[in-house]
Amino acid sequence: MTLKDLERDYATEDQCYAALVAERWPDGKVICPRCGNDKVYKIAKPWRWLCKNRECGTRESGKPNKGYRFSPLVGSIFENTNVPLVTW
């Protein structure tokens, strides 16, 4: 891969997220990084999913919450970064 290819393939945040999704879930089936549940739901926020597995979606207090929301950045070196992915 040349520098020109790299700049073309990762020019936007969406292209970077798409590459992360393809690398993390190569078969196209998104699974919850916390519990491994494959029944996750796409939510309105871009590049975000929701796992409603009962064990995954409970708070420490034991009360159920609205589920575990995650993105492809969870568990990666990019998690909690304030730097745009195109900069990485």
PDB file of N, CA and C in Angstrom:
ATOM      1  N   MET A   1       0.841  -1.169   0.000  1.00  0.00           N
ATOM      2  CA  MET A   1       0.000   0.000   0.000  1.00  0.00           C
ATOM      3  C   MET A   1       0.895   1.243   0.000  1.00  0.00           C
ATOM      4  N   THR A   2       0.594   2.142  -0.890  1.00  0.00           N
ATOM      5  CA  THR A   2       1.362   3.378  -0.967  1.00  0.00           C
ATOM      6  C   THR A   2       0.718   4.442  -0.094  1.00  0.00           C
ATOM      7  N   LEU A   3       1.431   5.530   0.125  1.00  0.00           N
ATOM      8  CA  LEU A   3       0.888   6.643   0.895  1.00  0.00           C
ATOM      9  C   LEU A   3      -0.355   7.216   0.211  1.00  0.00           C
ATOM     10  N   LYS A   4      -0.326   7.252  -1.104  1.00  0.00           N
ATOM     11  CA  LYS A   4      -1.472   7.746  -1.868  1.00  0.00           C
ATOM     12  C   LYS A   4      -2.700   6.851  -1.644  1.00  0.00           C
ATOM     13  N   ASP A   5      -2.488   5.532  -1.629  1.00  0.00           N
ATOM     14  CA  ASP A   5      -3.578   4.587  -1.348  1.00  0.00           C
ATOM     15  C   ASP A   5      -4.132   4.801   0.061  1.00  0.00           C
ATOM     16  N   LEU A   6      -3.227   4.978   1.005  1.00  0.00           N
ATOM     17  CA  LEU A   6      -3.619   5.198   2.392  1.00  0.00           C
ATOM     18  C   LEU A   6      -4.459   6.465   2.538  1.00  0.00           C
ATOM     19  N   GLU A   7      -4.022   7.541   1.931  1.00  0.00           N
ATOM     20  CA  GLU A   7      -4.774   8.800   1.996  1.00  0.00           C
ATOM     21  C   GLU A   7      -6.125   8.679   1.315  1.00  0.00           C
ATOM     22  N   ARG A   8      -6.218   7.891   0.249  1.00  0.00           N
ATOM     23  CA  ARG A   8      -7.471   7.711  -0.464  1.00  0.00           C
ATOM     24  C   ARG A   8      -8.425   6.817   0.332  1.00  0.00           C
ATOM     25  N   ASP A   9      -7.922   5.718   0.881  1.00  0.00           N
ATOM     26  CA  ASP A   9      -8.761   4.735   1.561  1.00  0.00           C
ATOM     27  C   ASP A   9      -9.224   5.174   2.947  1.00  0.00           C
ATOM     28  N   TYR A  10      -8.496   6.107   3.566  1.00  0.00           N
ATOM     29  CA  TYR A  10      -8.830   6.552   4.928  1.00  0.00           C
ATOM     30  C   TYR A  10      -8.949   8.070   4.999  1.00  0.00           C
ATOM     31  N   ALA A  11      -9.598   8.653   4.020  1.00  0.00           N
ATOM     32  CA  ALA A  11      -9.696  10.110   3.921  1.00  0.00           C
ATOM     33  C   ALA A  11     -10.773  10.704   4.824  1.00  0.00           C
ATOM     34  N   THR A  12     -11.777   9.915   5.191  1.00  0.00           N
ATOM     35  CA  THR A  12     -12.878  10.440   6.007  1.00  0.00           C
ATOM     36  C   THR A  12     -13.062   9.579   7.259  1.00  0.00           C
ATOM     37  N   GLU A  13     -13.758  10.115   8.232  1.00  0.00           N
ATOM     38  CA  GLU A  13     -14.074   9.358   9.451  1.00  0.00           C
ATOM     39  C   GLU A  13     -14.889   8.116   9.110  1.00  0.00           C
ATOM     40  N   ASP A  14     -15.857   8.261   8.194  1.00  0.00           N
ATOM     41  CA  ASP A  14     -16.686   7.120   7.812  1.00  0.00           C
ATOM     42  C   ASP A  14     -15.851   6.002   7.192  1.00  0.00           C
ATOM     43  N   GLN A  15     -14.893   6.343   6.366  1.00  0.00           N
ATOM     44  CA  GLN A  15     -14.019   5.324   5.783  1.00  0.00           C
ATOM     45  C   GLN A  15     -13.196   4.636   6.870  1.00  0.00           C
ATOM     46  N   CYS A  16     -12.735   5.390   7.840  1.00  0.00           N
ATOM     47  CA  CYS A  16     -11.953   4.813   8.945  1.00  0.00           C
ATOM     48  C   CYS A  16     -12.815   3.878   9.782  1.00  0.00           C
ATOM     49  N   TYR A  17     -14.038   4.310  10.113  1.00  0.00           N
ATOM     50  CA  TYR A  17     -14.945   3.458  10.881  1.00  0.00           C
ATOM     51  C   TYR A  17     -15.288   2.193  10.104  1.00  0.00           C
ATOM     52  N   ALA A  18     -15.549   2.336   8.800  1.00  0.00           N
ATOM     53  CA  ALA A  18     -15.870   1.170   7.975  1.00  0.00           C
ATOM     54  C   ALA A  18     -14.711   0.176   7.969  1.00  0.00           C
ATOM     55  N   ALA A  19     -13.493   0.666   7.911  1.00  0.00           N
ATOM     56  CA  ALA A  19     -12.322  -0.210   7.941  1.00  0.00           C
ATOM     57  C   ALA A  19     -12.203  -0.922   9.292  1.00  0.00           C
ATOM     58  N   LEU A  20     -12.476  -0.204  10.384  1.00  0.00           N
ATOM     59  CA  LEU A  20     -12.425  -0.827  11.713  1.00  0.00           C
ATOM     60  C   LEU A  20     -13.487  -1.916  11.857  1.00  0.00           C
ATOM     61  N   VAL A  21     -14.690  -1.636  11.361  1.00  0.00           N
ATOM     62  CA  VAL A  21     -15.777  -2.620  11.422  1.00  0.00           C
ATOM     63  C   VAL A  21     -15.407  -3.857  10.611  1.00  0.00           C
ATOM     64  N   ALA A  22     -14.877  -3.653   9.416  1.00  0.00           N
ATOM     65  CA  ALA A  22     -14.490  -4.774   8.558  1.00  0.00           C
ATOM     66  C   ALA A  22     -13.370  -5.604   9.185  1.00  0.00           C
ATOM     67  N   GLU A  23     -12.460  -4.957   9.882  1.00  0.00           N
ATOM     68  CA  GLU A  23     -11.354  -5.666  10.529  1.00  0.00           C
ATOM     69  C   GLU A  23     -11.825  -6.411  11.775  1.00  0.00           C
ATOM     70  N   ARG A  24     -12.684  -5.782  12.542  1.00  0.00           N
ATOM     71  CA  ARG A  24     -13.133  -6.364  13.808  1.00  0.00           C
ATOM     72  C   ARG A  24     -14.149  -7.480  13.602  1.00  0.00           C
ATOM     73  N   TRP A  25     -15.061  -7.280  12.653  1.00  0.00           N
ATOM     74  CA  TRP A  25     -16.113  -8.261  12.365  1.00  0.00           C
ATOM     75  C   TRP A  25     -16.075  -8.612  10.879  1.00  0.00           C
ATOM     76  N   PRO A  26     -15.073  -9.386  10.447  1.00  0.00           N
ATOM     77  CA  PRO A  26     -14.869  -9.643   9.018  1.00  0.00           C
ATOM     78  C   PRO A  26     -16.023 -10.358   8.327  1.00  0.00           C
ATOM     79  N   ASP A  27     -16.805 -11.120   9.081  1.00  0.00           N
ATOM     80  CA  ASP A  27     -17.940 -11.804   8.454  1.00  0.00           C
ATOM     81  C   ASP A  27     -19.168 -10.901   8.337  1.00  0.00           C
ATOM     82  N   GLY A  28     -19.068  -9.656   8.832  1.00  0.00           N
ATOM     83  CA  GLY A  28     -20.164  -8.704   8.732  1.00  0.00           C
ATOM     84  C   GLY A  28     -21.175  -8.781   9.858  1.00  0.00           C
ATOM     85  N   LYS A  29     -21.033  -9.744  10.750  1.00  0.00           N
ATOM     86  CA  LYS A  29     -21.961  -9.897  11.875  1.00  0.00           C
ATOM     87  C   LYS A  29     -21.367  -9.236  13.108  1.00  0.00           C
ATOM     88  N   VAL A  30     -21.937  -8.106  13.498  1.00  0.00           N
ATOM     89  CA  VAL A  30     -21.447  -7.369  14.667  1.00  0.00           C
ATOM     90  C   VAL A  30     -21.853  -8.112  15.931  1.00  0.00           C
ATOM     91  N   ILE A  31     -20.887  -8.297  16.845  1.00  0.00           N
ATOM     92  CA  ILE A  31     -21.186  -8.938  18.134  1.00  0.00           C
ATOM     93  C   ILE A  31     -20.789  -7.992  19.265  1.00  0.00           C
ATOM     94  N   CYS A  32     -21.436  -8.154  20.394  1.00  0.00           N
ATOM     95  CA  CYS A  32     -21.174  -7.318  21.556  1.00  0.00           C
ATOM     96  C   CYS A  32     -19.778  -7.624  22.105  1.00  0.00           C
ATOM     97  N   PRO A  33     -18.942  -6.598  22.267  1.00  0.00           N
ATOM     98  CA  PRO A  33     -17.598  -6.837  22.794  1.00  0.00           C
ATOM     99  C   PRO A  33     -17.591  -7.193  24.278  1.00  0.00           C
ATOM    100  N   ARG A  34     -18.680  -6.942  24.970  1.00  0.00           N
ATOM    101  CA  ARG A  34     -18.738  -7.220  26.398  1.00  0.00           C
ATOM    102  C   ARG A  34     -19.167  -8.651  26.688  1.00  0.00           C
ATOM    103  N   CYS A  35     -20.215  -9.139  26.006  1.00  0.00           N
ATOM    104  CA  CYS A  35     -20.750 -10.460  26.341  1.00  0.00           C
ATOM    105  C   CYS A  35     -20.703 -11.454  25.189  1.00  0.00           C
ATOM    106  N   GLY A  36     -20.386 -10.999  23.968  1.00  0.00           N
ATOM    107  CA  GLY A  36     -20.322 -11.899  22.823  1.00  0.00           C
ATOM    108  C   GLY A  36     -21.660 -12.178  22.164  1.00  0.00           C
ATOM    109  N   ASN A  37     -22.708 -11.499  22.604  1.00  0.00           N
ATOM    110  CA  ASN A  37     -24.041 -11.680  22.033  1.00  0.00           C
ATOM    111  C   ASN A  37     -24.045 -11.209  20.584  1.00  0.00           C
ATOM    112  N   ASP A  38     -24.632 -12.014  19.695  1.00  0.00           N
ATOM    113  CA  ASP A  38     -24.682 -11.603  18.294  1.00  0.00           C
ATOM    114  C   ASP A  38     -26.012 -10.951  17.926  1.00  0.00           C
ATOM    115  N   LYS A  39     -26.891 -10.808  18.883  1.00  0.00           N
ATOM    116  CA  LYS A  39     -28.169 -10.137  18.639  1.00  0.00           C
ATOM    117  C   LYS A  39     -28.075  -8.698  19.133  1.00  0.00           C
ATOM    118  N   VAL A  40     -27.438  -7.875  18.333  1.00  0.00           N
ATOM    119  CA  VAL A  40     -27.275  -6.462  18.648  1.00  0.00           C
ATOM    120  C   VAL A  40     -28.068  -5.654  17.632  1.00  0.00           C
ATOM    121  N   TYR A  41     -28.391  -4.434  17.994  1.00  0.00           N
ATOM    122  CA  TYR A  41     -29.232  -3.588  17.168  1.00  0.00           C
ATOM    123  C   TYR A  41     -28.511  -2.297  16.826  1.00  0.00           C
ATOM    124  N   LYS A  42     -28.597  -1.910  15.568  1.00  0.00           N
ATOM    125  CA  LYS A  42     -28.040  -0.633  15.114  1.00  0.00           C
ATOM    126  C   LYS A  42     -28.917   0.464  15.690  1.00  0.00           C
ATOM    127  N   ILE A  43     -28.299   1.520  16.229  1.00  0.00           N
ATOM    128  CA  ILE A  43     -29.068   2.647  16.739  1.00  0.00           C
ATOM    129  C   ILE A  43     -28.853   3.849  15.828  1.00  0.00           C
ATOM    130  N   ALA A  44     -29.591   4.918  16.085  1.00  0.00           N
ATOM    131  CA  ALA A  44     -29.591   6.078  15.195  1.00  0.00           C
ATOM    132  C   ALA A  44     -28.230   6.764  15.100  1.00  0.00           C
ATOM    133  N   LYS A  45     -27.476   6.753  16.169  1.00  0.00           N
ATOM    134  CA  LYS A  45     -26.162   7.383  16.148  1.00  0.00           C
ATOM    135  C   LYS A  45     -25.244   6.595  15.212  1.00  0.00           C
ATOM    136  N   PRO A  46     -24.498   7.286  14.347  1.00  0.00           N
ATOM    137  CA  PRO A  46     -23.658   6.563  13.392  1.00  0.00           C
ATOM    138  C   PRO A  46     -22.607   5.680  14.064  1.00  0.00           C
ATOM    139  N   TRP A  47     -22.443   4.502  13.518  1.00  0.00           N
ATOM    140  CA  TRP A  47     -21.434   3.541  13.965  1.00  0.00           C
ATOM    141  C   TRP A  47     -21.623   3.121  15.416  1.00  0.00           C
ATOM    142  N   ARG A  48     -22.881   2.998  15.860  1.00  0.00           N
ATOM    143  CA  ARG A  48     -23.181   2.584  17.228  1.00  0.00           C
ATOM    144  C   ARG A  48     -24.193   1.443  17.198  1.00  0.00           C
ATOM    145  N   TRP A  49     -24.037   0.517  18.153  1.00  0.00           N
ATOM    146  CA  TRP A  49     -24.951  -0.608  18.295  1.00  0.00           C
ATOM    147  C   TRP A  49     -25.377  -0.715  19.755  1.00  0.00           C
ATOM    148  N   LEU A  50     -26.433  -1.500  19.976  1.00  0.00           N
ATOM    149  CA  LEU A  50     -26.985  -1.697  21.309  1.00  0.00           C
ATOM    150  C   LEU A  50     -27.156  -3.181  21.563  1.00  0.00           C
ATOM    151  N   CYS A  51     -26.630  -3.647  22.693  1.00  0.00           N
ATOM    152  CA  CYS A  51     -26.811  -5.028  23.128  1.00  0.00           C
ATOM    153  C   CYS A  51     -27.812  -5.022  24.278  1.00  0.00           C
ATOM    154  N   LYS A  52     -28.853  -5.820  24.140  1.00  0.00           N
ATOM    155  CA  LYS A  52     -29.862  -5.875  25.197  1.00  0.00           C
ATOM    156  C   LYS A  52     -29.807  -7.191  25.969  1.00  0.00           C
ATOM    157  N   ASN A  53     -28.695  -7.895  25.875  1.00  0.00           N
ATOM    158  CA  ASN A  53     -28.525  -9.107  26.657  1.00  0.00           C
ATOM    159  C   ASN A  53     -28.694  -8.747  28.131  1.00  0.00           C
ATOM    160  N   ARG A  54     -29.432  -9.537  28.838  1.00  0.00           N
ATOM    161  CA  ARG A  54     -29.771  -9.207  30.226  1.00  0.00           C
ATOM    162  C   ARG A  54     -28.544  -9.010  31.119  1.00  0.00           C
ATOM    163  N   GLU A  55     -27.569  -9.906  31.031  1.00  0.00           N
ATOM    164  CA  GLU A  55     -26.376  -9.797  31.861  1.00  0.00           C
ATOM    165  C   GLU A  55     -25.509  -8.611  31.441  1.00  0.00           C
ATOM    166  N   CYS A  56     -25.485  -8.339  30.173  1.00  0.00           N
ATOM    167  CA  CYS A  56     -24.652  -7.265  29.636  1.00  0.00           C
ATOM    168  C   CYS A  56     -25.252  -5.893  29.973  1.00  0.00           C
ATOM    169  N   GLY A  57     -26.548  -5.833  30.038  1.00  0.00           N
ATOM    170  CA  GLY A  57     -27.209  -4.554  30.212  1.00  0.00           C
ATOM    171  C   GLY A  57     -27.668  -4.257  31.623  1.00  0.00           C
ATOM    172  N   THR A  58     -26.959  -4.736  32.646  1.00  0.00           N
ATOM    173  CA  THR A  58     -27.341  -4.404  34.019  1.00  0.00           C
ATOM    174  C   THR A  58     -26.276  -3.533  34.664  1.00  0.00           C
ATOM    175  N   ARG A  59     -26.733  -2.682  35.521  1.00  0.00           N
ATOM    176  CA  ARG A  59     -25.812  -1.801  36.245  1.00  0.00           C
ATOM    177  C   ARG A  59     -25.230  -2.541  37.439  1.00  0.00           C
ATOM    178  N   GLU A  60     -24.221  -1.951  38.038  1.00  0.00           N
ATOM    179  CA  GLU A  60     -23.618  -2.548  39.233  1.00  0.00           C
ATOM    180  C   GLU A  60     -24.622  -2.622  40.376  1.00  0.00           C
ATOM    181  N   SER A  61     -25.597  -1.721  40.371  1.00  0.00           N
ATOM    182  CA  SER A  61     -26.615  -1.733  41.417  1.00  0.00           C
ATOM    183  C   SER A  61     -27.581  -2.899  41.263  1.00  0.00           C
ATOM    184  N   GLY A  62     -27.498  -3.604  40.123  1.00  0.00           N
ATOM    185  CA  GLY A  62     -28.385  -4.731  39.887  1.00  0.00           C
ATOM    186  C   GLY A  62     -29.651  -4.338  39.157  1.00  0.00           C
ATOM    187  N   LYS A  63     -29.883  -3.043  38.988  1.00  0.00           N
ATOM    188  CA  LYS A  63     -31.080  -2.584  38.288  1.00  0.00           C
ATOM    189  C   LYS A  63     -30.825  -2.620  36.785  1.00  0.00           C
ATOM    190  N   PRO A  64     -31.807  -3.086  36.013  1.00  0.00           N
ATOM    191  CA  PRO A  64     -31.599  -3.123  34.563  1.00  0.00           C
ATOM    192  C   PRO A  64     -31.517  -1.713  33.984  1.00  0.00           C
ATOM    193  N   ASN A  65     -30.700  -1.562  32.958  1.00  0.00           N
ATOM    194  CA  ASN A  65     -30.640  -0.281  32.270  1.00  0.00           C
ATOM    195  C   ASN A  65     -31.149  -0.474  30.848  1.00  0.00           C
ATOM    196  N   LYS A  66     -30.877   0.453  29.995  1.00  0.00           N
ATOM    197  CA  LYS A  66     -31.409   0.403  28.640  1.00  0.00           C
ATOM    198  C   LYS A  66     -30.540  -0.404  27.689  1.00  0.00           C
ATOM    199  N   GLY A  67     -29.535  -1.069  28.187  1.00  0.00           N
ATOM    200  CA  GLY A  67     -28.663  -1.885  27.353  1.00  0.00           C
ATOM    201  C   GLY A  67     -27.265  -1.298  27.269  1.00  0.00           C
ATOM    202  N   TYR A  68     -26.381  -2.069  26.680  1.00  0.00           N
ATOM    203  CA  TYR A  68     -24.990  -1.661  26.522  1.00  0.00           C
ATOM    204  C   TYR A  68     -24.790  -1.124  25.122  1.00  0.00           C
ATOM    205  N   ARG A  69     -24.419   0.132  25.025  1.00  0.00           N
ATOM    206  CA  ARG A  69     -24.161   0.764  23.739  1.00  0.00           C
ATOM    207  C   ARG A  69     -22.666   0.738  23.471  1.00  0.00           C
ATOM    208  N   PHE A  70     -22.308   0.439  22.229  1.00  0.00           N
ATOM    209  CA  PHE A  70     -20.895   0.353  21.891  1.00  0.00           C
ATOM    210  C   PHE A  70     -20.645   0.763  20.452  1.00  0.00           C
ATOM    211  N   SER A  71     -19.375   1.010  20.176  1.00  0.00           N
ATOM    212  CA  SER A  71     -18.930   1.367  18.832  1.00  0.00           C
ATOM    213  C   SER A  71     -17.741   0.473  18.492  1.00  0.00           C
ATOM    214  N   PRO A  72     -17.245   0.535  17.266  1.00  0.00           N
ATOM    215  CA  PRO A  72     -16.082  -0.284  16.917  1.00  0.00           C
ATOM    216  C   PRO A  72     -14.814   0.111  17.670  1.00  0.00           C
ATOM    217  N   LEU A  73     -14.821   1.247  18.332  1.00  0.00           N
ATOM    218  CA  LEU A  73     -13.641   1.708  19.055  1.00  0.00           C
ATOM    219  C   LEU A  73     -13.471   1.022  20.407  1.00  0.00           C
ATOM    220  N   VAL A  74     -14.525   0.432  20.942  1.00  0.00           N
ATOM    221  CA  VAL A  74     -14.480  -0.195  22.258  1.00  0.00           C
ATOM    222  C   VAL A  74     -13.436  -1.306  22.279  1.00  0.00           C
ATOM    223  N   GLY A  75     -12.563  -1.250  23.266  1.00  0.00           N
ATOM    224  CA  GLY A  75     -11.533  -2.269  23.429  1.00  0.00           C
ATOM    225  C   GLY A  75     -10.334  -2.116  22.501  1.00  0.00           C
ATOM    226  N   SER A  76     -10.291  -1.025  21.778  1.00  0.00           N
ATOM    227  CA  SER A  76      -9.169  -0.798  20.868  1.00  0.00           C
ATOM    228  C   SER A  76      -8.296   0.341  21.393  1.00  0.00           C
ATOM    229  N   ILE A  77      -7.193   0.584  20.729  1.00  0.00           N
ATOM    230  CA  ILE A  77      -6.327   1.689  21.137  1.00  0.00           C
ATOM    231  C   ILE A  77      -6.993   3.039  20.877  1.00  0.00           C
ATOM    232  N   PHE A  78      -8.063   3.053  20.100  1.00  0.00           N
ATOM    233  CA  PHE A  78      -8.762   4.296  19.777  1.00  0.00           C
ATOM    234  C   PHE A  78      -9.866   4.644  20.781  1.00  0.00           C
ATOM    235  N   GLU A  79     -10.167   3.734  21.697  1.00  0.00           N
ATOM    236  CA  GLU A  79     -11.225   3.986  22.672  1.00  0.00           C
ATOM    237  C   GLU A  79     -10.885   5.215  23.517  1.00  0.00           C
ATOM    238  N   ASN A  80     -11.854   6.069  23.716  1.00  0.00           N
ATOM    239  CA  ASN A  80     -11.731   7.301  24.517  1.00  0.00           C
ATOM    240  C   ASN A  80     -10.776   8.326  23.924  1.00  0.00           C
ATOM    241  N   THR A  81     -10.460   8.209  22.661  1.00  0.00           N
ATOM    242  CA  THR A  81      -9.585   9.196  22.053  1.00  0.00           C
ATOM    243  C   THR A  81     -10.363  10.439  21.637  1.00  0.00           C
ATOM    244  N   ASN A  82      -9.732  11.561  21.713  1.00  0.00           N
ATOM    245  CA  ASN A  82     -10.325  12.807  21.218  1.00  0.00           C
ATOM    246  C   ASN A  82      -9.733  13.198  19.866  1.00  0.00           C
ATOM    247  N   VAL A  83      -8.840  12.367  19.379  1.00  0.00           N
ATOM    248  CA  VAL A  83      -8.167  12.618  18.096  1.00  0.00           C
ATOM    249  C   VAL A  83      -8.986  11.956  16.995  1.00  0.00           C
ATOM    250  N   PRO A  84      -9.280  12.658  15.915  1.00  0.00           N
ATOM    251  CA  PRO A  84     -10.032  12.047  14.811  1.00  0.00           C
ATOM    252  C   PRO A  84      -9.303  10.823  14.256  1.00  0.00           C
ATOM    253  N   LEU A  85     -10.054   9.854  13.782  1.00  0.00           N
ATOM    254  CA  LEU A  85      -9.444   8.642  13.248  1.00  0.00           C
ATOM    255  C   LEU A  85      -8.592   8.921  12.019  1.00  0.00           C
ATOM    256  N   VAL A  86      -8.961   9.903  11.224  1.00  0.00           N
ATOM    257  CA  VAL A  86      -8.155  10.205  10.036  1.00  0.00           C
ATOM    258  C   VAL A  86      -6.763  10.689  10.443  1.00  0.00           C
ATOM    259  N   THR A  87      -6.633  11.265  11.613  1.00  0.00           N
ATOM    260  CA  THR A  87      -5.319  11.694  12.106  1.00  0.00           C
ATOM    261  C   THR A  87      -4.498  10.477  12.535  1.00  0.00           C
ATOM    262  N   TRP A  88      -5.145   9.507  13.144  1.00  0.00           N
ATOM    263  CA  TRP A  88      -4.451   8.286  13.545  1.00  0.00           C
ATOM    264  C   TRP A  88      -3.885   7.618  12.328  1.00  0.00           C
TER     265      TRP A  88
END
